[in-house]
């Protein structure tokens, strides 16, 4: 029987199982199956996803991401922020950390106790003002890739949204084939404040927060002239994320995502 050490980590309500494989220990040939089994909230540990740390020649570590359904993701903002706090806690208190991801090598830093900031790659694949017909109603939708694809709706009321029914329809819509998209609804409170809800691809449900989704909403809102950085983002967990950037010299310079990250507990799984 094989013993695998893990840490349960959480960033703004987004929770993950983190396995540190830098010492040569691995999950075997099928980490996707491990993610699907152990992220189950009734028969496993329970999590939105699995984060696997590996050695990297390009940074302090490499992060692989598996959603709770076993699918791979190239980037996860809150997951990366949790990885940064874990590396800080385990690797002699280092505060400036680089992590290799599927979306590129990310620069990060520890801001204060249990609070981390990650510097994002520039957003791409903007599609603004798309018309989407859902259940006979025409909606205006915007799309952008902030490491993974996101659709963004601006709404006046978040509480009445039926994300369980709307989310899958948009996530699999022909506009976003073949890979599909994450779906975000944002309500603007002021030019520097929004609240959001997110239906995440791979989790196939609403999560309490989504880091790349928060960045997508802030970026799209800025492009449309609705928001100005820095933007405070209230997530469904009740905690806040901050998205900031500069645009004096080049677009999206120093684009960052900042917020809380914690190690909840550690344990051992027998495989």
Protein backbone atom coordinates (compact mmCIF):
# COMPACT_ATOMS: atom_id res chain seq x y z
CA UNK A 1 0.00 0.00 0.00
CA UNK A 2 1.29 3.43 -0.97
CA UNK A 3 1.03 6.47 1.33
CA UNK A 4 0.55 9.89 -0.28
CA UNK A 5 0.91 13.02 1.83
CA UNK A 6 -1.42 15.90 1.01
CA UNK A 7 -2.45 19.33 2.20
CA UNK A 8 -5.98 20.72 2.03
CA UNK A 9 -5.69 24.37 0.94
CA UNK A 10 -8.25 27.09 0.29
CA UNK A 11 -8.21 30.49 -1.39
CA UNK A 12 -11.32 32.66 -1.05
CA UNK A 13 -13.55 29.60 -0.81
CA UNK A 14 -11.90 27.74 -3.70
CA UNK A 15 -10.57 24.55 -2.07
CA UNK A 16 -7.97 22.09 -3.32
CA UNK A 17 -6.08 18.94 -2.48
CA UNK A 18 -2.37 19.72 -2.87
CA UNK A 19 0.17 16.94 -3.37
CA UNK A 20 3.86 17.89 -3.31
CA UNK A 21 5.67 15.62 -5.75
CA UNK A 22 8.94 17.55 -5.84
CA UNK A 23 10.61 14.92 -3.67
CA UNK A 24 9.99 12.21 -6.26
CA UNK A 25 6.76 10.86 -4.79
CA UNK A 26 4.02 10.65 -7.38
CA UNK A 27 0.38 9.74 -7.76
CA UNK A 28 1.26 7.13 -10.33
CA UNK A 29 0.18 7.05 -13.94
CA UNK A 30 -3.32 8.42 -13.41
CA UNK A 31 -3.54 11.61 -11.33
CA UNK A 32 -6.80 12.42 -13.14
CA UNK A 33 -8.43 9.37 -11.57
CA UNK A 34 -6.99 10.37 -8.18
CA UNK A 35 -8.55 13.84 -8.59
CA UNK A 36 -11.94 12.46 -9.53
CA UNK A 37 -11.96 10.03 -6.60
CA UNK A 38 -10.58 12.20 -3.82
CA UNK A 39 -12.21 15.52 -4.77
CA UNK A 40 -15.59 13.84 -4.27
CA UNK A 41 -17.26 15.63 -1.34
CA UNK A 42 -19.12 12.59 -0.05
CA UNK A 43 -16.69 9.71 -0.63
CA UNK A 44 -13.34 11.52 -0.65
CA UNK A 45 -11.63 14.49 0.95
CA UNK A 46 -13.71 16.95 -1.05
CA UNK A 47 -12.31 19.77 -3.19
CA UNK A 48 -12.81 21.83 -6.34
CA UNK A 49 -9.59 20.40 -7.75
CA UNK A 50 -6.22 18.74 -7.32
CA UNK A 51 -2.93 20.67 -7.39
CA UNK A 52 0.23 18.66 -8.04
CA UNK A 53 3.63 20.27 -7.44
CA UNK A 54 6.60 19.02 -9.44
CA UNK A 55 10.18 20.10 -9.99
CA UNK A 56 10.77 22.77 -12.60
CA UNK A 57 13.78 24.04 -14.54
CA UNK A 58 11.95 27.32 -15.20
CA UNK A 59 10.79 28.24 -11.71
CA UNK A 60 10.72 27.23 -8.06
CA UNK A 61 8.10 24.59 -8.87
CA UNK A 62 5.70 23.43 -11.57
CA UNK A 63 1.98 23.26 -10.89
CA UNK A 64 -0.32 20.78 -12.58
CA UNK A 65 -4.07 21.28 -12.16
CA UNK A 66 -6.79 18.63 -12.31
CA UNK A 67 -10.43 19.61 -11.94
CA UNK A 68 -12.74 17.58 -9.73
CA UNK A 69 -14.06 15.74 -12.81
CA UNK A 70 -10.52 14.62 -13.69
CA UNK A 71 -10.01 17.04 -16.58
CA UNK A 72 -6.83 19.12 -16.87
CA UNK A 73 -6.66 22.91 -16.60
CA UNK A 74 -3.80 25.10 -17.76
CA UNK A 75 -4.26 27.72 -15.07
CA UNK A 76 -6.12 28.34 -11.80
CA UNK A 77 -5.73 31.70 -10.10
CA UNK A 78 -6.84 30.75 -6.60
CA UNK A 79 -5.04 27.42 -6.87
CA UNK A 80 -1.81 29.18 -7.73
CA UNK A 81 -2.23 31.60 -4.85
CA UNK A 82 -2.61 28.61 -2.51
CA UNK A 83 0.51 27.02 -3.99
CA UNK A 84 2.43 30.24 -3.32
CA UNK A 85 1.44 30.23 0.35
CA UNK A 86 2.30 26.52 0.64
CA UNK A 87 5.74 27.05 -0.91
CA UNK A 88 6.34 30.02 1.38
CA UNK A 89 5.37 27.96 4.43
CA UNK A 90 7.40 24.90 3.44
CA UNK A 91 10.45 26.41 1.70
CA UNK A 92 12.14 28.54 4.35
CA UNK A 93 9.83 31.56 4.13
CA UNK A 94 10.65 32.60 0.58
CA UNK A 95 8.44 35.53 -0.49
CA UNK A 96 9.26 35.99 -4.19
CA UNK A 97 8.30 32.77 -5.98
CA UNK A 98 8.06 31.74 -9.63
CA UNK A 99 5.76 28.89 -10.62
CA UNK A 100 5.59 27.15 -13.98
CA UNK A 101 2.02 26.56 -15.17
CA UNK A 102 0.31 25.51 -18.37
CA UNK A 103 -0.32 29.20 -19.05
CA UNK A 104 3.32 30.20 -18.61
CA UNK A 105 5.81 30.93 -15.84
CA UNK A 106 4.08 33.11 -13.24
CA UNK A 107 5.77 35.56 -10.91
CA UNK A 108 4.21 35.69 -7.46
CA UNK A 109 4.83 37.00 -3.98
CA UNK A 110 3.60 36.72 -0.42
CA UNK A 111 2.01 40.02 0.59
CA UNK A 112 1.42 39.24 4.25
CA UNK A 113 0.42 36.33 6.46
CA UNK A 114 -1.94 34.07 4.49
CA UNK A 115 -2.26 36.61 1.66
CA UNK A 116 -0.63 36.16 -1.75
CA UNK A 117 -0.41 37.96 -5.07
CA UNK A 118 0.14 36.42 -8.50
CA UNK A 119 1.08 38.30 -11.66
CA UNK A 120 -1.00 37.10 -14.57
CA UNK A 121 -0.13 36.70 -18.24
CA UNK A 122 -1.85 39.30 -20.47
CA UNK A 123 -5.48 38.45 -21.30
CA UNK A 124 -6.19 37.40 -24.88
CA UNK A 125 -8.93 36.29 -27.28
CA UNK A 126 -11.30 39.15 -26.46
CA UNK A 127 -14.80 38.81 -27.91
CA UNK A 128 -17.10 41.65 -26.90
CA UNK A 129 -20.81 42.16 -27.35
CA UNK A 130 -21.73 38.64 -28.42
CA UNK A 131 -25.48 38.00 -28.67
CA UNK A 132 -26.53 34.78 -27.00
CA UNK A 133 -30.10 33.46 -27.01
CA UNK A 134 -31.01 31.43 -23.95
CA UNK A 135 -34.49 30.06 -23.34
CA UNK A 136 -35.94 32.59 -25.76
CA UNK A 137 -34.18 35.60 -24.20
CA UNK A 138 -31.36 37.47 -25.94
CA UNK A 139 -28.32 38.22 -23.71
CA UNK A 140 -25.19 40.25 -24.31
CA UNK A 141 -22.08 38.34 -23.38
CA UNK A 142 -18.34 39.03 -23.44
CA UNK A 143 -15.48 36.54 -23.56
CA UNK A 144 -11.76 36.55 -22.75
CA UNK A 145 -8.98 34.10 -21.94
CA UNK A 146 -7.17 34.85 -18.66
CA UNK A 147 -5.20 31.61 -18.66
CA UNK A 148 -8.41 29.68 -19.28
CA UNK A 149 -11.51 30.81 -21.24
CA UNK A 150 -14.23 32.84 -19.51
CA UNK A 151 -17.61 34.22 -20.49
CA UNK A 152 -18.79 37.34 -18.63
CA UNK A 153 -22.32 38.70 -18.13
CA UNK A 154 -23.03 41.98 -16.35
CA UNK A 155 -26.28 41.75 -14.38
CA UNK A 156 -28.24 43.90 -11.93
CA UNK A 157 -29.11 41.07 -9.54
CA UNK A 158 -26.91 38.11 -8.59
CA UNK A 159 -29.18 36.55 -5.98
CA UNK A 160 -31.92 35.50 -8.40
CA UNK A 161 -29.59 33.75 -10.86
CA UNK A 162 -30.21 30.06 -11.48
CA UNK A 163 -26.59 29.14 -12.14
CA UNK A 164 -27.28 25.39 -11.94
CA UNK A 165 -29.50 25.58 -15.04
CA UNK A 166 -27.89 28.49 -16.91
CA UNK A 167 -24.28 27.49 -16.33
CA UNK A 168 -24.20 24.20 -18.29
CA UNK A 169 -26.07 25.69 -21.25
CA UNK A 170 -23.55 28.54 -21.62
CA UNK A 171 -20.53 26.41 -20.72
CA UNK A 172 -21.31 24.04 -23.65
CA UNK A 173 -22.71 26.64 -26.08
CA UNK A 174 -21.60 26.47 -29.72
CA UNK A 175 -19.89 29.88 -29.32
CA UNK A 176 -17.30 28.19 -27.08
CA UNK A 177 -16.76 24.84 -28.77
CA UNK A 178 -14.84 22.62 -28.64
CA UNK A 179 -13.35 23.21 -25.18
CA UNK A 180 -16.25 25.10 -23.59
CA UNK A 181 -15.92 27.99 -21.16
CA UNK A 182 -16.20 29.09 -17.55
CA UNK A 183 -19.18 31.37 -16.91
CA UNK A 184 -19.24 34.51 -14.75
CA UNK A 185 -22.01 36.88 -13.73
CA UNK A 186 -20.90 40.25 -12.33
CA UNK A 187 -22.79 43.05 -10.60
CA UNK A 188 -21.09 46.44 -10.53
CA UNK A 189 -21.35 48.33 -7.23
CA UNK A 190 -18.93 51.15 -8.15
CA UNK A 191 -16.06 51.72 -10.61
CA UNK A 192 -13.80 49.91 -8.14
CA UNK A 193 -16.16 47.26 -6.74
CA UNK A 194 -18.00 44.28 -8.16
CA UNK A 195 -19.58 41.08 -6.90
CA UNK A 196 -19.42 37.88 -8.95
CA UNK A 197 -20.71 34.32 -9.20
CA UNK A 198 -18.96 31.68 -11.30
CA UNK A 199 -19.90 28.35 -12.87
CA UNK A 200 -16.61 26.51 -13.38
CA UNK A 201 -15.78 24.20 -16.24
CA UNK A 202 -14.33 20.95 -14.89
CA UNK A 203 -16.06 21.35 -11.55
CA UNK A 204 -19.34 21.50 -13.51
CA UNK A 205 -21.01 23.63 -10.90
CA UNK A 206 -20.87 26.96 -9.11
CA UNK A 207 -17.82 27.50 -6.90
CA UNK A 208 -17.41 29.93 -4.02
CA UNK A 209 -14.74 31.82 -5.97
CA UNK A 210 -12.74 31.73 -9.20
CA UNK A 211 -9.49 33.66 -9.53
CA UNK A 212 -9.18 33.70 -13.30
CA UNK A 213 -12.90 34.52 -13.45
CA UNK A 214 -12.38 37.51 -11.16
CA UNK A 215 -9.61 38.73 -13.46
CA UNK A 216 -11.83 38.20 -16.51
CA UNK A 217 -14.64 40.29 -15.02
CA UNK A 218 -12.28 43.12 -14.02
CA UNK A 219 -10.56 43.15 -17.41
CA UNK A 220 -13.79 43.07 -19.44
CA UNK A 221 -15.34 45.74 -17.21
CA UNK A 222 -12.33 47.99 -17.78
CA UNK A 223 -12.39 47.51 -21.55
CA UNK A 224 -16.08 48.47 -21.58
CA UNK A 225 -15.41 51.59 -19.48
CA UNK A 226 -17.39 50.30 -16.51
CA UNK A 227 -14.47 49.71 -14.11
CA UNK A 228 -11.15 51.23 -13.10
CA UNK A 229 -8.27 49.37 -11.42
CA UNK A 230 -7.74 48.32 -8.73
CA UNK A 231 -11.01 46.41 -8.54
CA UNK A 232 -12.28 44.82 -5.31
CA UNK A 233 -14.22 41.65 -6.09
CA UNK A 234 -16.69 40.15 -3.64
CA UNK A 235 -16.91 36.40 -4.21
CA UNK A 236 -19.73 34.01 -3.32
CA UNK A 237 -17.74 32.95 -0.24
CA UNK A 238 -18.06 36.46 1.19
CA UNK A 239 -14.31 37.05 0.90
CA UNK A 240 -12.69 39.57 -1.42
CA UNK A 241 -10.13 39.36 -4.20
CA UNK A 242 -8.26 42.32 -5.66
CA UNK A 243 -7.39 42.70 -9.35
CA UNK A 244 -5.06 45.49 -10.43
CA UNK A 245 -2.94 46.52 -13.40
CA UNK A 246 -1.32 49.50 -15.13
CA UNK A 247 -1.81 50.64 -18.71
CA UNK A 248 0.55 53.60 -18.99
CA UNK A 249 3.23 51.91 -21.09
CA UNK A 250 1.50 48.78 -22.39
CA UNK A 251 -1.88 47.15 -21.87
CA UNK A 252 -2.35 44.99 -18.77
CA UNK A 253 1.09 45.75 -17.36
CA UNK A 254 1.59 44.12 -13.93
CA UNK A 255 -1.85 42.49 -14.05
CA UNK A 256 -2.27 40.81 -10.68
CA UNK A 257 -4.70 38.82 -8.56
CA UNK A 258 -4.43 39.11 -4.78
CA UNK A 259 -6.31 37.55 -1.90
CA UNK A 260 -6.29 35.18 1.08
CA UNK A 261 -4.82 31.66 0.94
CA UNK A 262 -4.62 29.09 3.74
CA UNK A 263 -3.42 25.60 4.55
CA UNK A 264 -6.41 24.08 6.36
CA UNK A 265 -4.90 20.74 7.34
CA UNK A 266 -2.49 18.01 6.23
CA UNK A 267 -2.90 14.27 6.04
CA UNK A 268 -1.99 10.98 4.40
CA UNK A 269 -3.97 8.97 1.85
CA UNK A 270 -3.40 5.23 1.46
CA UNK A 271 -3.54 4.08 -2.16
